[in-house]
Amino acid sequence: MDLTYLFEYVNLLTLGICLCVGYALKTAFVWFPNKYIPLAALTMGLIVNVLINLETGINAMVVLGGMISGLASTGLYEMLRNLLDKDGSLPGKK
C-alpha cells in the first residue's frame, strides 16, 4: 500500500512545532509516559493547524493535515534518533 499521497497534507510549520513540543515532553517531563507522546503530538498538530488556518476557514483537510503533521513529527523524531544512534553510543542510553 502506497501512502505517499499523505505527504501533500503535511504542514512543515505544524510538524516542526509538534517535533519540538514532543521532544520537550520526552526530555523535560519524566512523569509524562512515552506512550502518550504520539497522542499529544496528534492533538498539538490539530490545534496548531486549526490556529494557523483560522482566517482561511477550517475544513476536513485542515484537520487531517494537522493530525498527520503531528504524527509525522513523532515518526521524524524516531527516525532521527535511530540515525544518530546507529552505533548505540549516545550518552544516557543504558
C-alpha atoms as a PDB file:
ATOM      1  CA  MET A   1       0.000   0.000   0.000  1.00  0.00           C
ATOM      2  CA  ASP A   2       1.469   3.331  -1.088  1.00  0.00           C
ATOM      3  CA  LEU A   3       0.944   6.098   1.465  1.00  0.00           C
ATOM      4  CA  THR A   4       2.985   8.809  -0.263  1.00  0.00           C
ATOM      5  CA  TYR A   5      -0.163  10.768  -1.131  1.00  0.00           C
ATOM      6  CA  LEU A   6      -0.441  11.637   2.585  1.00  0.00           C
ATOM      7  CA  PHE A   7       2.660  13.859   2.289  1.00  0.00           C
ATOM      8  CA  GLU A   8       0.612  16.511   0.492  1.00  0.00           C
ATOM      9  CA  TYR A   9      -1.288  17.058   3.767  1.00  0.00           C
ATOM     10  CA  VAL A  10       1.848  17.621   5.892  1.00  0.00           C
ATOM     11  CA  ASN A  11       2.358  21.207   7.021  1.00  0.00           C
ATOM     12  CA  LEU A  12       6.052  21.796   7.790  1.00  0.00           C
ATOM     13  CA  LEU A  13       5.379  24.548  10.327  1.00  0.00           C
ATOM     14  CA  THR A  14       2.978  22.313  12.259  1.00  0.00           C
ATOM     15  CA  LEU A  15       5.390  19.387  12.008  1.00  0.00           C
ATOM     16  CA  GLY A  16       8.261  21.479  13.408  1.00  0.00           C
ATOM     17  CA  ILE A  17       6.225  22.794  16.325  1.00  0.00           C
ATOM     18  CA  CYS A  18       4.980  19.300  17.200  1.00  0.00           C
ATOM     19  CA  LEU A  19       8.514  17.910  16.943  1.00  0.00           C
ATOM     20  CA  CYS A  20       9.803  20.488  19.420  1.00  0.00           C
ATOM     21  CA  VAL A  21       6.892  20.045  21.839  1.00  0.00           C
ATOM     22  CA  GLY A  22       7.190  16.243  21.676  1.00  0.00           C
ATOM     23  CA  TYR A  23      10.916  16.441  22.367  1.00  0.00           C
ATOM     24  CA  ALA A  24      10.257  18.742  25.322  1.00  0.00           C
ATOM     25  CA  LEU A  25       7.655  16.333  26.693  1.00  0.00           C
ATOM     26  CA  LYS A  26      10.080  13.442  26.381  1.00  0.00           C
ATOM     27  CA  THR A  27      13.078  15.141  27.973  1.00  0.00           C
ATOM     28  CA  ALA A  28      11.701  17.710  30.413  1.00  0.00           C
ATOM     29  CA  PHE A  29       8.809  15.852  31.995  1.00  0.00           C
ATOM     30  CA  VAL A  30       9.860  12.455  33.319  1.00  0.00           C
ATOM     31  CA  TRP A  31       6.377  11.895  34.754  1.00  0.00           C
ATOM     32  CA  PHE A  32       4.812  12.042  31.252  1.00  0.00           C
ATOM     33  CA  PRO A  33       4.595   8.468  29.829  1.00  0.00           C
ATOM     34  CA  ASN A  34       6.245   7.993  26.428  1.00  0.00           C
ATOM     35  CA  LYS A  35       3.275   6.021  25.133  1.00  0.00           C
ATOM     36  CA  TYR A  36       1.147   9.201  25.157  1.00  0.00           C
ATOM     37  CA  ILE A  37       3.566  11.343  23.139  1.00  0.00           C
ATOM     38  CA  PRO A  38       2.016  10.392  19.744  1.00  0.00           C
ATOM     39  CA  LEU A  39      -1.433  11.309  21.095  1.00  0.00           C
ATOM     40  CA  ALA A  40      -0.076  14.619  22.405  1.00  0.00           C
ATOM     41  CA  ALA A  41       1.591  15.313  19.048  1.00  0.00           C
ATOM     42  CA  LEU A  42      -1.612  14.484  17.155  1.00  0.00           C
ATOM     43  CA  THR A  43      -3.608  16.824  19.401  1.00  0.00           C
ATOM     44  CA  MET A  44      -0.990  19.568  19.202  1.00  0.00           C
ATOM     45  CA  GLY A  45      -0.852  19.235  15.402  1.00  0.00           C
ATOM     46  CA  LEU A  46      -4.610  19.568  15.170  1.00  0.00           C
ATOM     47  CA  ILE A  47      -4.681  22.649  17.405  1.00  0.00           C
ATOM     48  CA  VAL A  48      -1.744  24.365  15.681  1.00  0.00           C
ATOM     49  CA  ASN A  49      -3.090  23.715  12.182  1.00  0.00           C
ATOM     50  CA  VAL A  50      -6.537  25.000  13.136  1.00  0.00           C
ATOM     51  CA  LEU A  51      -4.983  28.157  14.631  1.00  0.00           C
ATOM     52  CA  ILE A  52      -2.878  28.701  11.510  1.00  0.00           C
ATOM     53  CA  ASN A  53      -5.928  28.398   9.255  1.00  0.00           C
ATOM     54  CA  LEU A  54      -8.476  30.389  11.297  1.00  0.00           C
ATOM     55  CA  GLU A  55      -8.694  33.192   8.732  1.00  0.00           C
ATOM     56  CA  THR A  56      -8.999  30.974   5.668  1.00  0.00           C
ATOM     57  CA  GLY A  57     -11.523  28.611   7.210  1.00  0.00           C
ATOM     58  CA  ILE A  58     -11.487  25.220   8.889  1.00  0.00           C
ATOM     59  CA  ASN A  59     -12.345  22.148   6.858  1.00  0.00           C
ATOM     60  CA  ALA A  60     -11.551  18.450   6.875  1.00  0.00           C
ATOM     61  CA  MET A  61      -8.239  18.984   5.036  1.00  0.00           C
ATOM     62  CA  VAL A  62      -7.035  21.348   7.771  1.00  0.00           C
ATOM     63  CA  VAL A  63      -7.987  18.839  10.470  1.00  0.00           C
ATOM     64  CA  LEU A  64      -6.421  15.900   8.628  1.00  0.00           C
ATOM     65  CA  GLY A  65      -3.296  17.907   7.827  1.00  0.00           C
ATOM     66  CA  GLY A  66      -2.837  18.818  11.483  1.00  0.00           C
ATOM     67  CA  MET A  67      -3.239  15.250  12.685  1.00  0.00           C
ATOM     68  CA  ILE A  68      -0.929  13.833  10.011  1.00  0.00           C
ATOM     69  CA  SER A  69       1.689  16.513  10.714  1.00  0.00           C
ATOM     70  CA  GLY A  70       1.578  15.755  14.445  1.00  0.00           C
ATOM     71  CA  LEU A  71       2.000  12.028  13.920  1.00  0.00           C
ATOM     72  CA  ALA A  72       4.696  12.630  11.300  1.00  0.00           C
ATOM     73  CA  SER A  73       6.661  14.601  13.894  1.00  0.00           C
ATOM     74  CA  THR A  74       6.715  11.525  16.127  1.00  0.00           C
ATOM     75  CA  GLY A  75       7.984   9.394  13.245  1.00  0.00           C
ATOM     76  CA  LEU A  76      10.564  12.026  12.317  1.00  0.00           C
ATOM     77  CA  TYR A  77      11.872  12.077  15.889  1.00  0.00           C
ATOM     78  CA  GLU A  78      12.217   8.290  15.923  1.00  0.00           C
ATOM     79  CA  MET A  79      13.955   8.305  12.539  1.00  0.00           C
ATOM     80  CA  LEU A  80      16.455  10.962  13.623  1.00  0.00           C
ATOM     81  CA  ARG A  81      17.080   9.205  16.939  1.00  0.00           C
ATOM     82  CA  ASN A  82      17.818   5.939  15.141  1.00  0.00           C
ATOM     83  CA  LEU A  83      20.070   7.634  12.578  1.00  0.00           C
ATOM     84  CA  LEU A  84      22.084   9.475  15.233  1.00  0.00           C
ATOM     85  CA  ASP A  85      22.370   6.440  17.494  1.00  0.00           C
ATOM     86  CA  LYS A  86      23.190   3.823  14.876  1.00  0.00           C
ATOM     87  CA  ASP A  87      26.126   2.509  16.901  1.00  0.00           C
ATOM     88  CA  GLY A  88      24.449   2.774  20.319  1.00  0.00           C
ATOM     89  CA  SER A  89      26.858   5.367  21.649  1.00  0.00           C
ATOM     90  CA  LEU A  90      24.552   8.227  22.626  1.00  0.00           C
ATOM     91  CA  PRO A  91      25.127   9.336  26.221  1.00  0.00           C
ATOM     92  CA  GLY A  92      22.445   8.497  28.729  1.00  0.00           C
ATOM     93  CA  LYS A  93      21.481   5.313  26.936  1.00  0.00           C
ATOM     94  CA  LYS A  94      21.514   2.139  29.012  1.00  0.00           C
END
